[in-house]
């Protein structure tokens, strides 16, 4: 059994660890373990705060949106193929995302 750990310290020694934004495909594995809170933290570290929440810059916001779209489809196809996806359910993770929209008064 091959185990992929996304943003989670592996619980099984031969597990492969990568990040949510990584290029590693889930389809090379039998089980995927994912910790969404750690994923958001990886995007939000070292960035500004706005109203006491992490505020992602324009580049990181685009990367996060792209990674979510890619992984969402990958996870759906992975589970549909009969494989196991373990997700650590945590309270919603909030942050401010740069939409690219600018207004000047």
C-alpha atoms as a PDB file:
ATOM      1  CA  UNK A   1       0.000   0.000   0.000  1.00  0.00           C
ATOM      2  CA  UNK A   2       1.375   3.400  -1.001  1.00  0.00           C
ATOM      3  CA  UNK A   3       0.498   6.385   1.200  1.00  0.00           C
ATOM      4  CA  UNK A   4       0.703  10.068   0.217  1.00  0.00           C
ATOM      5  CA  UNK A   5       0.647  12.675   2.947  1.00  0.00           C
ATOM      6  CA  UNK A   6      -0.343  16.220   1.929  1.00  0.00           C
ATOM      7  CA  UNK A   7       0.845  18.809   4.460  1.00  0.00           C
ATOM      8  CA  UNK A   8       0.712  16.261   7.255  1.00  0.00           C
ATOM      9  CA  UNK A   9       3.558  14.545   9.046  1.00  0.00           C
ATOM     10  CA  UNK A  10       3.401  10.959   7.794  1.00  0.00           C
ATOM     11  CA  UNK A  11       1.952   8.410  10.173  1.00  0.00           C
ATOM     12  CA  UNK A  12       3.511   5.516   8.284  1.00  0.00           C
ATOM     13  CA  UNK A  13       7.242   5.342   7.575  1.00  0.00           C
ATOM     14  CA  UNK A  14       7.195   4.529   3.865  1.00  0.00           C
ATOM     15  CA  UNK A  15       4.732   7.390   3.273  1.00  0.00           C
ATOM     16  CA  UNK A  16       5.550  10.063   0.724  1.00  0.00           C
ATOM     17  CA  UNK A  17       5.100  13.613   1.982  1.00  0.00           C
ATOM     18  CA  UNK A  18       4.400  16.571  -0.248  1.00  0.00           C
ATOM     19  CA  UNK A  19       2.476  19.816  -0.081  1.00  0.00           C
ATOM     20  CA  UNK A  20      -0.990  20.594  -1.396  1.00  0.00           C
ATOM     21  CA  UNK A  21       0.677  22.784  -4.018  1.00  0.00           C
ATOM     22  CA  UNK A  22       3.144  20.047  -4.979  1.00  0.00           C
ATOM     23  CA  UNK A  23       3.310  18.297  -8.346  1.00  0.00           C
ATOM     24  CA  UNK A  24       2.917  14.790  -6.901  1.00  0.00           C
ATOM     25  CA  UNK A  25      -0.171  13.093  -8.351  1.00  0.00           C
ATOM     26  CA  UNK A  26      -2.524  11.304  -5.962  1.00  0.00           C
ATOM     27  CA  UNK A  27      -3.125   8.613  -8.603  1.00  0.00           C
ATOM     28  CA  UNK A  28       0.252   7.007  -7.850  1.00  0.00           C
ATOM     29  CA  UNK A  29      -1.015   6.127  -4.349  1.00  0.00           C
ATOM     30  CA  UNK A  30      -3.623   3.950  -2.666  1.00  0.00           C
ATOM     31  CA  UNK A  31      -4.365   6.257   0.284  1.00  0.00           C
ATOM     32  CA  UNK A  32      -4.030  10.041   0.596  1.00  0.00           C
ATOM     33  CA  UNK A  33      -4.010  11.843   3.957  1.00  0.00           C
ATOM     34  CA  UNK A  34      -4.590  15.614   3.851  1.00  0.00           C
ATOM     35  CA  UNK A  35      -4.569  18.320   6.503  1.00  0.00           C
ATOM     36  CA  UNK A  36      -6.252  21.456   5.036  1.00  0.00           C
ATOM     37  CA  UNK A  37      -5.306  23.666   8.005  1.00  0.00           C
ATOM     38  CA  UNK A  38      -1.611  23.049   7.375  1.00  0.00           C
ATOM     39  CA  UNK A  39      -2.097  23.721   3.667  1.00  0.00           C
ATOM     40  CA  UNK A  40      -3.595  27.166   4.288  1.00  0.00           C
ATOM     41  CA  UNK A  41      -0.864  27.904   6.817  1.00  0.00           C
ATOM     42  CA  UNK A  42       1.804  27.162   4.195  1.00  0.00           C
ATOM     43  CA  UNK A  43       0.267  29.729   1.840  1.00  0.00           C
ATOM     44  CA  UNK A  44      -0.318  32.311   4.557  1.00  0.00           C
ATOM     45  CA  UNK A  45       2.989  32.297   6.438  1.00  0.00           C
ATOM     46  CA  UNK A  46       5.151  35.386   6.074  1.00  0.00           C
ATOM     47  CA  UNK A  47       2.305  37.396   4.607  1.00  0.00           C
ATOM     48  CA  UNK A  48       0.524  40.428   5.945  1.00  0.00           C
ATOM     49  CA  UNK A  49      -2.407  40.404   8.305  1.00  0.00           C
ATOM     50  CA  UNK A  50      -5.677  42.186   7.591  1.00  0.00           C
ATOM     51  CA  UNK A  51      -8.355  42.349  10.288  1.00  0.00           C
ATOM     52  CA  UNK A  52      -6.395  39.738  12.254  1.00  0.00           C
ATOM     53  CA  UNK A  53      -6.486  37.180   9.429  1.00  0.00           C
ATOM     54  CA  UNK A  54      -3.764  36.208   6.968  1.00  0.00           C
ATOM     55  CA  UNK A  55      -3.861  38.287   3.818  1.00  0.00           C
ATOM     56  CA  UNK A  56      -2.435  36.596   0.736  1.00  0.00           C
ATOM     57  CA  UNK A  57      -0.729  38.679  -1.922  1.00  0.00           C
ATOM     58  CA  UNK A  58      -1.783  38.590  -5.578  1.00  0.00           C
ATOM     59  CA  UNK A  59       0.633  35.825  -6.640  1.00  0.00           C
ATOM     60  CA  UNK A  60      -0.157  33.552  -3.707  1.00  0.00           C
ATOM     61  CA  UNK A  61      -3.898  34.111  -4.174  1.00  0.00           C
ATOM     62  CA  UNK A  62      -3.675  32.968  -7.793  1.00  0.00           C
ATOM     63  CA  UNK A  63      -1.577  29.946  -6.792  1.00  0.00           C
ATOM     64  CA  UNK A  64      -4.041  28.940  -4.082  1.00  0.00           C
ATOM     65  CA  UNK A  65      -7.048  29.212  -6.417  1.00  0.00           C
ATOM     66  CA  UNK A  66      -5.275  27.195  -9.098  1.00  0.00           C
ATOM     67  CA  UNK A  67      -4.151  24.508  -6.642  1.00  0.00           C
ATOM     68  CA  UNK A  68      -7.663  24.184  -5.197  1.00  0.00           C
ATOM     69  CA  UNK A  69      -9.180  23.690  -8.656  1.00  0.00           C
ATOM     70  CA  UNK A  70      -6.580  21.104  -9.618  1.00  0.00           C
ATOM     71  CA  UNK A  71      -6.722  19.131  -6.367  1.00  0.00           C
ATOM     72  CA  UNK A  72     -10.540  19.234  -6.165  1.00  0.00           C
ATOM     73  CA  UNK A  73     -10.893  17.431  -9.494  1.00  0.00           C
ATOM     74  CA  UNK A  74      -8.047  15.101  -8.645  1.00  0.00           C
ATOM     75  CA  UNK A  75      -9.675  14.182  -5.299  1.00  0.00           C
ATOM     76  CA  UNK A  76     -13.061  13.536  -6.943  1.00  0.00           C
ATOM     77  CA  UNK A  77     -11.533  11.233  -9.549  1.00  0.00           C
ATOM     78  CA  UNK A  78      -9.379   9.540  -6.885  1.00  0.00           C
ATOM     79  CA  UNK A  79     -12.348   8.716  -4.642  1.00  0.00           C
ATOM     80  CA  UNK A  80     -14.484   7.690  -7.643  1.00  0.00           C
ATOM     81  CA  UNK A  81     -11.795   5.132  -8.497  1.00  0.00           C
ATOM     82  CA  UNK A  82     -12.359   3.460  -5.109  1.00  0.00           C
ATOM     83  CA  UNK A  83      -9.312   4.770  -3.284  1.00  0.00           C
ATOM     84  CA  UNK A  84      -9.239   6.244   0.222  1.00  0.00           C
ATOM     85  CA  UNK A  85      -8.905   9.968   0.930  1.00  0.00           C
ATOM     86  CA  UNK A  86      -8.502  10.878   4.608  1.00  0.00           C
ATOM     87  CA  UNK A  87      -9.175  14.550   5.398  1.00  0.00           C
ATOM     88  CA  UNK A  88      -8.669  16.048   8.840  1.00  0.00           C
ATOM     89  CA  UNK A  89     -11.808  18.106   9.336  1.00  0.00           C
ATOM     90  CA  UNK A  90     -11.114  21.369  11.117  1.00  0.00           C
ATOM     91  CA  UNK A  91     -13.086  24.590  11.542  1.00  0.00           C
ATOM     92  CA  UNK A  92     -13.131  26.694   8.364  1.00  0.00           C
ATOM     93  CA  UNK A  93      -9.798  28.312   7.647  1.00  0.00           C
ATOM     94  CA  UNK A  94     -10.182  31.977   6.803  1.00  0.00           C
ATOM     95  CA  UNK A  95      -7.893  34.377   5.012  1.00  0.00           C
ATOM     96  CA  UNK A  96      -8.143  37.366   2.737  1.00  0.00           C
ATOM     97  CA  UNK A  97      -7.382  36.718  -0.923  1.00  0.00           C
ATOM     98  CA  UNK A  98      -6.231  39.364  -3.369  1.00  0.00           C
ATOM     99  CA  UNK A  99      -8.798  39.483  -6.174  1.00  0.00           C
ATOM    100  CA  UNK A 100      -6.692  41.736  -8.371  1.00  0.00           C
ATOM    101  CA  UNK A 101      -9.447  44.366  -8.379  1.00  0.00           C
ATOM    102  CA  UNK A 102      -8.217  47.858  -7.531  1.00  0.00           C
ATOM    103  CA  UNK A 103     -10.154  51.070  -6.885  1.00  0.00           C
ATOM    104  CA  UNK A 104      -8.824  54.541  -6.294  1.00  0.00           C
ATOM    105  CA  UNK A 105     -10.744  57.465  -4.900  1.00  0.00           C
END
